[in-house]
Every structure is written in structure tokens, then in C-alpha cells.
Amino acid sequence: MVAIVGCLGIILSYSGWQSRYNETKQIAQRAATRLADEVDYYN
């Protein structure tokens, strides 16, 4: 059971890391786009 929990934790950890990594990339991309629009506007 400990081994199963450990394997499940690793799988969920990798899945969570991948999801969180993709989410942060999307946030960074979205922030860059919006900030670019704001910089262009105020410029």
C-alpha cells in the first residue's frame, strides 16, 4: 500500500507539475500580451 501510495504520489506529482507548469506558461504568456498592449497604449 505504501508503494502504491508512493507511485500514485509520483504520478500525480508529475501530472500536477505538468499542469502547473503549463498553467504558469499560459499566465506568463497572457501577462506578456496584456502588458505589451498597455505599453503600446501608454507609449
PDB file of all heavy atoms in Angstrom:
ATOM      1  N   MET A   1       0.829  -1.203   0.000  1.00  0.00           N
ATOM      2  CA  MET A   1       0.000   0.000   0.000  1.00  0.00           C
ATOM      3  C   MET A   1       0.867   1.258   0.000  1.00  0.00           C
ATOM      4  O   MET A   1       0.566   2.233  -0.703  1.00  0.00           O
ATOM      5  CB  MET A   1      -0.922  -0.006   1.209  1.00  0.00           C
ATOM      6  CG  MET A   1      -2.025  -1.049   1.144  1.00  0.00           C
ATOM      7  SD  MET A   1      -3.113  -0.820  -0.298  1.00  0.00           S
ATOM      8  CE  MET A   1      -3.883   0.756   0.099  1.00  0.00           C
ATOM      9  N   VAL A   2       1.960   1.236   0.780  1.00  0.00           N
ATOM     10  CA  VAL A   2       2.868   2.394   0.784  1.00  0.00           C
ATOM     11  C   VAL A   2       3.480   2.587  -0.601  1.00  0.00           C
ATOM     12  O   VAL A   2       3.608   3.717  -1.086  1.00  0.00           O
ATOM     13  CB  VAL A   2       3.968   2.202   1.855  1.00  0.00           C
ATOM     14  CG1 VAL A   2       5.069   3.244   1.682  1.00  0.00           C
ATOM     15  CG2 VAL A   2       3.375   2.317   3.248  1.00  0.00           C
ATOM     16  N   ALA A   3       3.867   1.450  -1.242  1.00  0.00           N
ATOM     17  CA  ALA A   3       4.431   1.552  -2.582  1.00  0.00           C
ATOM     18  C   ALA A   3       3.406   2.115  -3.569  1.00  0.00           C
ATOM     19  O   ALA A   3       3.732   2.950  -4.427  1.00  0.00           O
ATOM     20  CB  ALA A   3       4.916   0.174  -3.052  1.00  0.00           C
ATOM     21  N   ILE A   4       2.144   1.653  -3.434  1.00  0.00           N
ATOM     22  CA  ILE A   4       1.099   2.156  -4.320  1.00  0.00           C
ATOM     23  C   ILE A   4       0.886   3.643  -4.091  1.00  0.00           C
ATOM     24  O   ILE A   4       0.772   4.432  -5.052  1.00  0.00           O
ATOM     25  CB  ILE A   4      -0.212   1.369  -4.088  1.00  0.00           C
ATOM     26  CG1 ILE A   4      -0.061  -0.080  -4.581  1.00  0.00           C
ATOM     27  CG2 ILE A   4      -1.380   2.051  -4.801  1.00  0.00           C
ATOM     28  CD1 ILE A   4      -1.247  -0.950  -4.258  1.00  0.00           C
ATOM     29  N   VAL A   5       0.824   4.023  -2.809  1.00  0.00           N
ATOM     30  CA  VAL A   5       0.651   5.452  -2.499  1.00  0.00           C
ATOM     31  C   VAL A   5       1.818   6.261  -3.044  1.00  0.00           C
ATOM     32  O   VAL A   5       1.639   7.347  -3.598  1.00  0.00           O
ATOM     33  CB  VAL A   5       0.524   5.645  -0.970  1.00  0.00           C
ATOM     34  CG1 VAL A   5       0.605   7.121  -0.610  1.00  0.00           C
ATOM     35  CG2 VAL A   5      -0.803   5.077  -0.485  1.00  0.00           C
ATOM     36  N   GLY A   6       3.052   5.703  -2.894  1.00  0.00           N
ATOM     37  CA  GLY A   6       4.217   6.412  -3.412  1.00  0.00           C
ATOM     38  C   GLY A   6       4.166   6.573  -4.918  1.00  0.00           C
ATOM     39  O   GLY A   6       4.428   7.660  -5.445  1.00  0.00           O
ATOM     40  N   CYS A   7       3.832   5.467  -5.620  1.00  0.00           N
ATOM     41  CA  CYS A   7       3.732   5.535  -7.086  1.00  0.00           C
ATOM     42  C   CYS A   7       2.622   6.500  -7.506  1.00  0.00           C
ATOM     43  O   CYS A   7       2.802   7.294  -8.450  1.00  0.00           O
ATOM     44  CB  CYS A   7       3.465   4.137  -7.652  1.00  0.00           C
ATOM     45  SG  CYS A   7       4.843   2.996  -7.458  1.00  0.00           S
ATOM     46  N   LEU A   8       1.482   6.406  -6.810  1.00  0.00           N
ATOM     47  CA  LEU A   8       0.380   7.317  -7.125  1.00  0.00           C
ATOM     48  C   LEU A   8       0.804   8.761  -6.874  1.00  0.00           C
ATOM     49  O   LEU A   8       0.474   9.664  -7.659  1.00  0.00           O
ATOM     50  CB  LEU A   8      -0.839   6.966  -6.267  1.00  0.00           C
ATOM     51  CG  LEU A   8      -2.103   7.808  -6.511  1.00  0.00           C
ATOM     52  CD1 LEU A   8      -2.582   7.641  -7.949  1.00  0.00           C
ATOM     53  CD2 LEU A   8      -3.215   7.419  -5.549  1.00  0.00           C
ATOM     54  N   GLY A   9       1.539   8.969  -5.761  1.00  0.00           N
ATOM     55  CA  GLY A   9       2.012  10.321  -5.469  1.00  0.00           C
ATOM     56  C   GLY A   9       2.936  10.832  -6.551  1.00  0.00           C
ATOM     57  O   GLY A   9       2.862  11.998  -6.953  1.00  0.00           O
ATOM     58  N   ILE A  10       3.834   9.950  -7.053  1.00  0.00           N
ATOM     59  CA  ILE A  10       4.759  10.358  -8.113  1.00  0.00           C
ATOM     60  C   ILE A  10       3.997  10.685  -9.395  1.00  0.00           C
ATOM     61  O   ILE A  10       4.276  11.690 -10.072  1.00  0.00           O
ATOM     62  CB  ILE A  10       5.795   9.246  -8.357  1.00  0.00           C
ATOM     63  CG1 ILE A  10       6.711   9.109  -7.130  1.00  0.00           C
ATOM     64  CG2 ILE A  10       6.622   9.539  -9.604  1.00  0.00           C
ATOM     65  CD1 ILE A  10       7.659   7.938  -7.213  1.00  0.00           C
ATOM     66  N   ILE A  11       3.018   9.820  -9.726  1.00  0.00           N
ATOM     67  CA  ILE A  11       2.242  10.060 -10.949  1.00  0.00           C
ATOM     68  C   ILE A  11       1.465  11.359 -10.843  1.00  0.00           C
ATOM     69  O   ILE A  11       1.480  12.207 -11.758  1.00  0.00           O
ATOM     70  CB  ILE A  11       1.287   8.875 -11.202  1.00  0.00           C
ATOM     71  CG1 ILE A  11       2.085   7.604 -11.532  1.00  0.00           C
ATOM     72  CG2 ILE A  11       0.321   9.198 -12.341  1.00  0.00           C
ATOM     73  CD1 ILE A  11       1.246   6.361 -11.610  1.00  0.00           C
ATOM     74  N   LEU A  12       0.772  11.533  -9.702  1.00  0.00           N
ATOM     75  CA  LEU A  12       0.014  12.769  -9.520  1.00  0.00           C
ATOM     76  C   LEU A  12       0.941  13.975  -9.430  1.00  0.00           C
ATOM     77  O   LEU A  12       0.593  15.073  -9.881  1.00  0.00           O
ATOM     78  CB  LEU A  12      -0.837  12.661  -8.244  1.00  0.00           C
ATOM     79  CG  LEU A  12      -1.976  11.637  -8.287  1.00  0.00           C
ATOM     80  CD1 LEU A  12      -2.711  11.606  -6.956  1.00  0.00           C
ATOM     81  CD2 LEU A  12      -2.955  11.961  -9.419  1.00  0.00           C
ATOM     82  N   SER A  13       2.127  13.751  -8.844  1.00  0.00           N
ATOM     83  CA  SER A  13       3.091  14.838  -8.757  1.00  0.00           C
ATOM     84  C   SER A  13       3.532  15.284 -10.141  1.00  0.00           C
ATOM     85  O   SER A  13       3.574  16.478 -10.450  1.00  0.00           O
ATOM     86  CB  SER A  13       4.310  14.386  -7.942  1.00  0.00           C
ATOM     87  OG  SER A  13       5.319  15.361  -7.982  1.00  0.00           O
ATOM     88  N   TYR A  14       3.833  14.293 -10.983  1.00  0.00           N
ATOM     89  CA  TYR A  14       4.254  14.653 -12.344  1.00  0.00           C
ATOM     90  C   TYR A  14       3.112  15.314 -13.102  1.00  0.00           C
ATOM     91  O   TYR A  14       3.311  16.326 -13.795  1.00  0.00           O
ATOM     92  CB  TYR A  14       4.715  13.405 -13.088  1.00  0.00           C
ATOM     93  CG  TYR A  14       5.075  13.680 -14.532  1.00  0.00           C
ATOM     94  CD1 TYR A  14       6.288  14.280 -14.859  1.00  0.00           C
ATOM     95  CD2 TYR A  14       4.185  13.367 -15.564  1.00  0.00           C
ATOM     96  CE1 TYR A  14       6.617  14.557 -16.176  1.00  0.00           C
ATOM     97  CE2 TYR A  14       4.507  13.644 -16.883  1.00  0.00           C
ATOM     98  CZ  TYR A  14       5.722  14.232 -17.184  1.00  0.00           C
ATOM     99  OH  TYR A  14       6.038  14.505 -18.488  1.00  0.00           O
ATOM    100  N   SER A  15       1.912  14.748 -12.945  1.00  0.00           N
ATOM    101  CA  SER A  15       0.753  15.334 -13.625  1.00  0.00           C
ATOM    102  C   SER A  15       0.497  16.755 -13.130  1.00  0.00           C
ATOM    103  O   SER A  15       0.237  17.669 -13.914  1.00  0.00           O
ATOM    104  CB  SER A  15      -0.478  14.457 -13.385  1.00  0.00           C
ATOM    105  OG  SER A  15      -1.626  15.043 -13.948  1.00  0.00           O
ATOM    106  N   GLY A  16       0.585  16.929 -11.780  1.00  0.00           N
ATOM    107  CA  GLY A  16       0.378  18.262 -11.223  1.00  0.00           C
ATOM    108  C   GLY A  16       1.443  19.235 -11.660  1.00  0.00           C
ATOM    109  O   GLY A  16       1.166  20.405 -11.958  1.00  0.00           O
ATOM    110  N   TRP A  17       2.709  18.729 -11.705  1.00  0.00           N
ATOM    111  CA  TRP A  17       3.793  19.605 -12.149  1.00  0.00           C
ATOM    112  C   TRP A  17       3.580  20.025 -13.592  1.00  0.00           C
ATOM    113  O   TRP A  17       3.759  21.200 -13.938  1.00  0.00           O
ATOM    114  CB  TRP A  17       5.122  18.870 -12.007  1.00  0.00           C
ATOM    115  CG  TRP A  17       6.279  19.636 -12.610  1.00  0.00           C
ATOM    116  CD1 TRP A  17       7.009  20.607 -12.023  1.00  0.00           C
ATOM    117  CD2 TRP A  17       6.811  19.473 -13.936  1.00  0.00           C
ATOM    118  NE1 TRP A  17       7.955  21.074 -12.878  1.00  0.00           N
ATOM    119  CE2 TRP A  17       7.864  20.404 -14.070  1.00  0.00           C
ATOM    120  CE3 TRP A  17       6.491  18.654 -15.015  1.00  0.00           C
ATOM    121  CZ2 TRP A  17       8.602  20.522 -15.236  1.00  0.00           C
ATOM    122  CZ3 TRP A  17       7.221  18.770 -16.186  1.00  0.00           C
ATOM    123  CH2 TRP A  17       8.267  19.697 -16.282  1.00  0.00           C
ATOM    124  N   GLN A  18       3.204  19.058 -14.441  1.00  0.00           N
ATOM    125  CA  GLN A  18       2.984  19.375 -15.853  1.00  0.00           C
ATOM    126  C   GLN A  18       1.838  20.364 -16.009  1.00  0.00           C
ATOM    127  O   GLN A  18       1.938  21.343 -16.773  1.00  0.00           O
ATOM    128  CB  GLN A  18       2.670  18.083 -16.628  1.00  0.00           C
ATOM    129  CG  GLN A  18       2.634  18.235 -18.138  1.00  0.00           C
ATOM    130  CD  GLN A  18       4.017  18.490 -18.710  1.00  0.00           C
ATOM    131  OE1 GLN A  18       4.999  17.973 -18.210  1.00  0.00           O
ATOM    132  NE2 GLN A  18       4.092  19.302 -19.736  1.00  0.00           N
ATOM    133  N   SER A  19       0.746  20.133 -15.273  1.00  0.00           N
ATOM    134  CA  SER A  19      -0.404  21.034 -15.365  1.00  0.00           C
ATOM    135  C   SER A  19      -0.047  22.423 -14.857  1.00  0.00           C
ATOM    136  O   SER A  19      -0.391  23.439 -15.473  1.00  0.00           O
ATOM    137  CB  SER A  19      -1.569  20.444 -14.562  1.00  0.00           C
ATOM    138  OG  SER A  19      -2.653  21.347 -14.517  1.00  0.00           O
ATOM    139  N   ARG A  20       0.652  22.461 -13.704  1.00  0.00           N
ATOM    140  CA  ARG A  20       1.009  23.751 -13.122  1.00  0.00           C
ATOM    141  C   ARG A  20       2.030  24.480 -14.003  1.00  0.00           C
ATOM    142  O   ARG A  20       1.979  25.710 -14.154  1.00  0.00           O
ATOM    143  CB  ARG A  20       1.572  23.522 -11.719  1.00  0.00           C
ATOM    144  CG  ARG A  20       1.575  24.751 -10.846  1.00  0.00           C
ATOM    145  CD  ARG A  20       1.877  24.400  -9.402  1.00  0.00           C
ATOM    146  NE  ARG A  20       0.711  23.803  -8.744  1.00  0.00           N
ATOM    147  CZ  ARG A  20       0.616  22.558  -8.402  1.00  0.00           C
ATOM    148  NH1 ARG A  20       1.597  21.722  -8.651  1.00  0.00           N
ATOM    149  NH2 ARG A  20      -0.473  22.087  -7.797  1.00  0.00           N
ATOM    150  N   TYR A  21       2.944  23.705 -14.604  1.00  0.00           N
ATOM    151  CA  TYR A  21       3.936  24.312 -15.497  1.00  0.00           C
ATOM    152  C   TYR A  21       3.246  24.932 -16.712  1.00  0.00           C
ATOM    153  O   TYR A  21       3.546  26.076 -17.104  1.00  0.00           O
ATOM    154  CB  TYR A  21       4.944  23.244 -15.941  1.00  0.00           C
ATOM    155  CG  TYR A  21       5.962  23.732 -16.936  1.00  0.00           C
ATOM    156  CD1 TYR A  21       7.069  24.459 -16.520  1.00  0.00           C
ATOM    157  CD2 TYR A  21       5.812  23.461 -18.295  1.00  0.00           C
ATOM    158  CE1 TYR A  21       8.005  24.914 -17.436  1.00  0.00           C
ATOM    159  CE2 TYR A  21       6.749  23.909 -19.218  1.00  0.00           C
ATOM    160  CZ  TYR A  21       7.839  24.630 -18.776  1.00  0.00           C
ATOM    161  OH  TYR A  21       8.762  25.080 -19.694  1.00  0.00           O
ATOM    162  N   ASN A  22       2.313  24.189 -17.316  1.00  0.00           N
ATOM    163  CA  ASN A  22       1.580  24.721 -18.468  1.00  0.00           C
ATOM    164  C   ASN A  22       0.744  25.933 -18.069  1.00  0.00           C
ATOM    165  O   ASN A  22       0.636  26.911 -18.835  1.00  0.00           O
ATOM    166  CB  ASN A  22       0.683  23.636 -19.066  1.00  0.00           C
ATOM    167  CG  ASN A  22       1.483  22.517 -19.698  1.00  0.00           C
ATOM    168  OD1 ASN A  22       2.630  22.713 -20.101  1.00  0.00           O
ATOM    169  ND2 ASN A  22       0.908  21.334 -19.782  1.00  0.00           N
ATOM    170  N   GLU A  23       0.149  25.879 -16.871  1.00  0.00           N
ATOM    171  CA  GLU A  23      -0.668  26.996 -16.407  1.00  0.00           C
ATOM    172  C   GLU A  23       0.177  28.253 -16.229  1.00  0.00           C
ATOM    173  O   GLU A  23      -0.226  29.351 -16.627  1.00  0.00           O
ATOM    174  CB  GLU A  23      -1.348  26.623 -15.095  1.00  0.00           C
ATOM    175  CG  GLU A  23      -2.225  27.727 -14.529  1.00  0.00           C
ATOM    176  CD  GLU A  23      -2.788  27.373 -13.168  1.00  0.00           C
ATOM    177  OE1 GLU A  23      -2.491  26.270 -12.675  1.00  0.00           O
ATOM    178  OE2 GLU A  23      -3.526  28.208 -12.600  1.00  0.00           O
ATOM    179  N   THR A  24       1.359  28.083 -15.620  1.00  0.00           N
ATOM    180  CA  THR A  24       2.220  29.253 -15.421  1.00  0.00           C
ATOM    181  C   THR A  24       2.708  29.817 -16.753  1.00  0.00           C
ATOM    182  O   THR A  24       2.833  31.039 -16.906  1.00  0.00           O
ATOM    183  CB  THR A  24       3.422  28.890 -14.544  1.00  0.00           C
ATOM    184  OG1 THR A  24       4.137  27.787 -15.126  1.00  0.00           O
ATOM    185  CG2 THR A  24       2.974  28.502 -13.143  1.00  0.00           C
ATOM    186  N   LYS A  25       2.955  28.930 -17.707  1.00  0.00           N
ATOM    187  CA  LYS A  25       3.354  29.409 -19.027  1.00  0.00           C
ATOM    188  C   LYS A  25       2.231  30.219 -19.672  1.00  0.00           C
ATOM    189  O   LYS A  25       2.465  31.270 -20.297  1.00  0.00           O
ATOM    190  CB  LYS A  25       3.731  28.217 -19.923  1.00  0.00           C
ATOM    191  CG  LYS A  25       5.075  27.589 -19.597  1.00  0.00           C
ATOM    192  CD  LYS A  25       6.213  28.536 -19.896  1.00  0.00           C
ATOM    193  CE  LYS A  25       7.566  27.866 -19.671  1.00  0.00           C
ATOM    194  NZ  LYS A  25       8.689  28.803 -19.893  1.00  0.00           N
ATOM    195  N   GLN A  26       1.010  29.733 -19.531  1.00  0.00           N
ATOM    196  CA  GLN A  26      -0.137  30.459 -20.091  1.00  0.00           C
ATOM    197  C   GLN A  26      -0.315  31.807 -19.401  1.00  0.00           C
ATOM    198  O   GLN A  26      -0.600  32.818 -20.052  1.00  0.00           O
ATOM    199  CB  GLN A  26      -1.403  29.612 -19.943  1.00  0.00           C
ATOM    200  CG  GLN A  26      -1.416  28.363 -20.803  1.00  0.00           C
ATOM    201  CD  GLN A  26      -2.622  27.485 -20.519  1.00  0.00           C
ATOM    202  OE1 GLN A  26      -3.463  27.819 -19.691  1.00  0.00           O
ATOM    203  NE2 GLN A  26      -2.702  26.359 -21.216  1.00  0.00           N
ATOM    204  N   ILE A  27      -0.141  31.812 -18.059  1.00  0.00           N
ATOM    205  CA  ILE A  27      -0.265  33.077 -17.334  1.00  0.00           C
ATOM    206  C   ILE A  27       0.814  34.052 -17.780  1.00  0.00           C
ATOM    207  O   ILE A  27       0.547  35.247 -18.009  1.00  0.00           O
ATOM    208  CB  ILE A  27      -0.182  32.823 -15.819  1.00  0.00           C
ATOM    209  CG1 ILE A  27      -1.440  32.075 -15.338  1.00  0.00           C
ATOM    210  CG2 ILE A  27      -0.015  34.124 -15.047  1.00  0.00           C
ATOM    211  CD1 ILE A  27      -1.390  31.666 -13.891  1.00  0.00           C
ATOM    212  N   ALA A  28       2.050  33.560 -17.897  1.00  0.00           N
ATOM    213  CA  ALA A  28       3.142  34.424 -18.337  1.00  0.00           C
ATOM    214  C   ALA A  28       2.887  34.958 -19.741  1.00  0.00           C
ATOM    215  O   ALA A  28       3.132  36.138 -20.039  1.00  0.00           O
ATOM    216  CB  ALA A  28       4.467  33.657 -18.281  1.00  0.00           C
ATOM    217  N   GLN A  29       2.394  34.069 -20.615  1.00  0.00           N
ATOM    218  CA  GLN A  29       2.099  34.499 -21.995  1.00  0.00           C
ATOM    219  C   GLN A  29       0.978  35.538 -22.007  1.00  0.00           C
ATOM    220  O   GLN A  29       1.061  36.557 -22.719  1.00  0.00           O
ATOM    221  CB  GLN A  29       1.686  33.270 -22.828  1.00  0.00           C
ATOM    222  CG  GLN A  29       1.457  33.563 -24.299  1.00  0.00           C
ATOM    223  CD  GLN A  29       2.742  33.914 -25.016  1.00  0.00           C
ATOM    224  OE1 GLN A  29       3.755  33.264 -24.832  1.00  0.00           O
ATOM    225  NE2 GLN A  29       2.716  34.970 -25.815  1.00  0.00           N
ATOM    226  N   ARG A  30      -0.065  35.297 -21.227  1.00  0.00           N
ATOM    227  CA  ARG A  30      -1.187  36.232 -21.168  1.00  0.00           C
ATOM    228  C   ARG A  30      -0.755  37.579 -20.583  1.00  0.00           C
ATOM    229  O   ARG A  30      -1.145  38.649 -21.072  1.00  0.00           O
ATOM    230  CB  ARG A  30      -2.317  35.620 -20.347  1.00  0.00           C
ATOM    231  CG  ARG A  30      -3.603  36.413 -20.384  1.00  0.00           C
ATOM    232  CD  ARG A  30      -4.787  35.577 -19.933  1.00  0.00           C
ATOM    233  NE  ARG A  30      -4.631  35.059 -18.593  1.00  0.00           N
ATOM    234  CZ  ARG A  30      -4.456  33.770 -18.304  1.00  0.00           C
ATOM    235  NH1 ARG A  30      -4.410  32.871 -19.284  1.00  0.00           N
ATOM    236  NH2 ARG A  30      -4.343  33.363 -17.062  1.00  0.00           N
ATOM    237  N   ALA A  31       0.084  37.512 -19.533  1.00  0.00           N
ATOM    238  CA  ALA A  31       0.571  38.753 -18.924  1.00  0.00           C
ATOM    239  C   ALA A  31       1.440  39.530 -19.901  1.00  0.00           C
ATOM    240  O   ALA A  31       1.362  40.767 -19.983  1.00  0.00           O
ATOM    241  CB  ALA A  31       1.360  38.430 -17.657  1.00  0.00           C
ATOM    242  N   ALA A  32       2.272  38.814 -20.653  1.00  0.00           N
ATOM    243  CA  ALA A  32       3.119  39.489 -21.634  1.00  0.00           C
ATOM    244  C   ALA A  32       2.270  40.178 -22.703  1.00  0.00           C
ATOM    245  O   ALA A  32       2.551  41.318 -23.109  1.00  0.00           O
ATOM    246  CB  ALA A  32       4.063  38.478 -22.283  1.00  0.00           C
ATOM    247  N   THR A  33       1.215  39.488 -23.156  1.00  0.00           N
ATOM    248  CA  THR A  33       0.342  40.072 -24.187  1.00  0.00           C
ATOM    249  C   THR A  33      -0.369  41.325 -23.660  1.00  0.00           C
ATOM    250  O   THR A  33      -0.401  42.376 -24.328  1.00  0.00           O
ATOM    251  CB  THR A  33      -0.684  39.032 -24.640  1.00  0.00           C
ATOM    252  OG1 THR A  33       0.010  37.892 -25.171  1.00  0.00           O
ATOM    253  CG2 THR A  33      -1.599  39.605 -25.711  1.00  0.00           C
ATOM    254  N   ARG A  34      -0.935  41.221 -22.477  1.00  0.00           N
ATOM    255  CA  ARG A  34      -1.663  42.368 -21.923  1.00  0.00           C
ATOM    256  C   ARG A  34      -0.727  43.526 -21.597  1.00  0.00           C
ATOM    257  O   ARG A  34      -1.062  44.701 -21.827  1.00  0.00           O
ATOM    258  CB  ARG A  34      -2.415  41.938 -20.673  1.00  0.00           C
ATOM    259  CG  ARG A  34      -3.539  40.932 -20.940  1.00  0.00           C
ATOM    260  CD  ARG A  34      -4.454  40.781 -19.754  1.00  0.00           C
ATOM    261  NE  ARG A  34      -5.085  42.049 -19.399  1.00  0.00           N
ATOM    262  CZ  ARG A  34      -5.916  42.208 -18.375  1.00  0.00           C
ATOM    263  NH1 ARG A  34      -6.204  41.161 -17.610  1.00  0.00           N
ATOM    264  NH2 ARG A  34      -6.438  43.379 -18.103  1.00  0.00           N
ATOM    265  N   LEU A  35       0.464  43.196 -21.058  1.00  0.00           N
ATOM    266  CA  LEU A  35       1.407  44.264 -20.751  1.00  0.00           C
ATOM    267  C   LEU A  35       1.910  44.925 -22.024  1.00  0.00           C
ATOM    268  O   LEU A  35       2.118  46.154 -22.051  1.00  0.00           O
ATOM    269  CB  LEU A  35       2.577  43.697 -19.944  1.00  0.00           C
ATOM    270  CG  LEU A  35       3.522  44.729 -19.336  1.00  0.00           C
ATOM    271  CD1 LEU A  35       2.778  45.671 -18.399  1.00  0.00           C
ATOM    272  CD2 LEU A  35       4.672  44.045 -18.599  1.00  0.00           C
ATOM    273  N   ALA A  36       2.087  44.130 -23.073  1.00  0.00           N
ATOM    274  CA  ALA A  36       2.504  44.706 -24.356  1.00  0.00           C
ATOM    275  C   ALA A  36       1.449  45.680 -24.872  1.00  0.00           C
ATOM    276  O   ALA A  36       1.781  46.773 -25.371  1.00  0.00           O
ATOM    277  CB  ALA A  36       2.751  43.595 -25.373  1.00  0.00           C
ATOM    278  N   ASP A  37       0.184  45.299 -24.738  1.00  0.00           N
ATOM    279  CA  ASP A  37      -0.892  46.202 -25.170  1.00  0.00           C
ATOM    280  C   ASP A  37      -0.870  47.495 -24.347  1.00  0.00           C
ATOM    281  O   ASP A  37      -1.038  48.598 -24.898  1.00  0.00           O
ATOM    282  CB  ASP A  37      -2.245  45.506 -25.017  1.00  0.00           C
ATOM    283  CG  ASP A  37      -2.412  44.344 -25.990  1.00  0.00           C
ATOM    284  OD1 ASP A  37      -1.670  44.301 -26.988  1.00  0.00           O
ATOM    285  OD2 ASP A  37      -3.287  43.489 -25.733  1.00  0.00           O
ATOM    286  N   GLU A  38      -0.657  47.344 -23.026  1.00  0.00           N
ATOM    287  CA  GLU A  38      -0.631  48.536 -22.175  1.00  0.00           C
ATOM    288  C   GLU A  38       0.566  49.427 -22.492  1.00  0.00           C
ATOM    289  O   GLU A  38       0.443  50.655 -22.538  1.00  0.00           O
ATOM    290  CB  GLU A  38      -0.590  48.118 -20.697  1.00  0.00           C
ATOM    291  CG  GLU A  38      -1.863  47.477 -20.177  1.00  0.00           C
ATOM    292  CD  GLU A  38      -3.039  48.441 -20.211  1.00  0.00           C
ATOM    293  OE1 GLU A  38      -2.901  49.568 -19.718  1.00  0.00           O
ATOM    294  OE2 GLU A  38      -4.088  48.053 -20.749  1.00  0.00           O
ATOM    295  N   VAL A  39       1.723  48.813 -22.691  1.00  0.00           N
ATOM    296  CA  VAL A  39       2.914  49.605 -23.015  1.00  0.00           C
ATOM    297  C   VAL A  39       2.719  50.346 -24.331  1.00  0.00           C
ATOM    298  O   VAL A  39       3.058  51.544 -24.445  1.00  0.00           O
ATOM    299  CB  VAL A  39       4.157  48.692 -23.068  1.00  0.00           C
ATOM    300  CG1 VAL A  39       5.351  49.440 -23.664  1.00  0.00           C
ATOM    301  CG2 VAL A  39       4.506  48.184 -21.676  1.00  0.00           C
ATOM    302  N   ASP A  40       2.172  49.648 -25.324  1.00  0.00           N
ATOM    303  CA  ASP A  40       1.912  50.305 -26.601  1.00  0.00           C
ATOM    304  C   ASP A  40       0.926  51.452 -26.430  1.00  0.00           C
ATOM    305  O   ASP A  40       1.097  52.541 -27.006  1.00  0.00           O
ATOM    306  CB  ASP A  40       1.357  49.296 -27.613  1.00  0.00           C
ATOM    307  CG  ASP A  40       2.472  48.502 -28.278  1.00  0.00           C
ATOM    308  OD1 ASP A  40       3.636  48.923 -28.150  1.00  0.00           O
ATOM    309  OD2 ASP A  40       2.172  47.473 -28.906  1.00  0.00           O
ATOM    310  N   TYR A  41      -0.115  51.208 -25.638  1.00  0.00           N
ATOM    311  CA  TYR A  41      -1.122  52.254 -25.443  1.00  0.00           C
ATOM    312  C   TYR A  41      -0.512  53.475 -24.779  1.00  0.00           C
ATOM    313  O   TYR A  41      -0.681  54.612 -25.252  1.00  0.00           O
ATOM    314  CB  TYR A  41      -2.267  51.703 -24.586  1.00  0.00           C
ATOM    315  CG  TYR A  41      -3.231  52.778 -24.123  1.00  0.00           C
ATOM    316  CD1 TYR A  41      -4.170  53.335 -25.005  1.00  0.00           C
ATOM    317  CD2 TYR A  41      -3.164  53.262 -22.812  1.00  0.00           C
ATOM    318  CE1 TYR A  41      -5.032  54.328 -24.572  1.00  0.00           C
ATOM    319  CE2 TYR A  41      -4.026  54.257 -22.379  1.00  0.00           C
ATOM    320  CZ  TYR A  41      -4.961  54.786 -23.277  1.00  0.00           C
ATOM    321  OH  TYR A  41      -5.801  55.788 -22.861  1.00  0.00           O
ATOM    322  N   TYR A  42       0.211  53.274 -23.665  1.00  0.00           N
ATOM    323  CA  TYR A  42       0.761  54.426 -22.957  1.00  0.00           C
ATOM    324  C   TYR A  42       1.932  55.053 -23.713  1.00  0.00           C
ATOM    325  O   TYR A  42       2.191  56.252 -23.579  1.00  0.00           O
ATOM    326  CB  TYR A  42       1.174  54.020 -21.548  1.00  0.00           C
ATOM    327  CG  TYR A  42      -0.015  53.849 -20.635  1.00  0.00           C
ATOM    328  CD1 TYR A  42      -0.488  52.599 -20.278  1.00  0.00           C
ATOM    329  CD2 TYR A  42      -0.703  54.971 -20.167  1.00  0.00           C
ATOM    330  CE1 TYR A  42      -1.607  52.443 -19.463  1.00  0.00           C
ATOM    331  CE2 TYR A  42      -1.814  54.830 -19.344  1.00  0.00           C
ATOM    332  CZ  TYR A  42      -2.267  53.567 -19.003  1.00  0.00           C
ATOM    333  OH  TYR A  42      -3.383  53.436 -18.206  1.00  0.00           O
ATOM    334  N   ASN A  43       2.621  54.257 -24.479  1.00  0.00           N
ATOM    335  CA  ASN A  43       3.649  54.859 -25.333  1.00  0.00           C
ATOM    336  C   ASN A  43       3.016  55.756 -26.388  1.00  0.00           C
ATOM    337  O   ASN A  43       3.508  56.865 -26.678  1.00  0.00           O
ATOM    338  CB  ASN A  43       4.472  53.755 -26.002  1.00  0.00           C
ATOM    339  CG  ASN A  43       5.574  54.310 -26.885  1.00  0.00           C
ATOM    340  OD1 ASN A  43       6.586  54.814 -26.414  1.00  0.00           O
ATOM    341  ND2 ASN A  43       5.372  54.242 -28.195  1.00  0.00           N
TER     342      ASN A  43
END
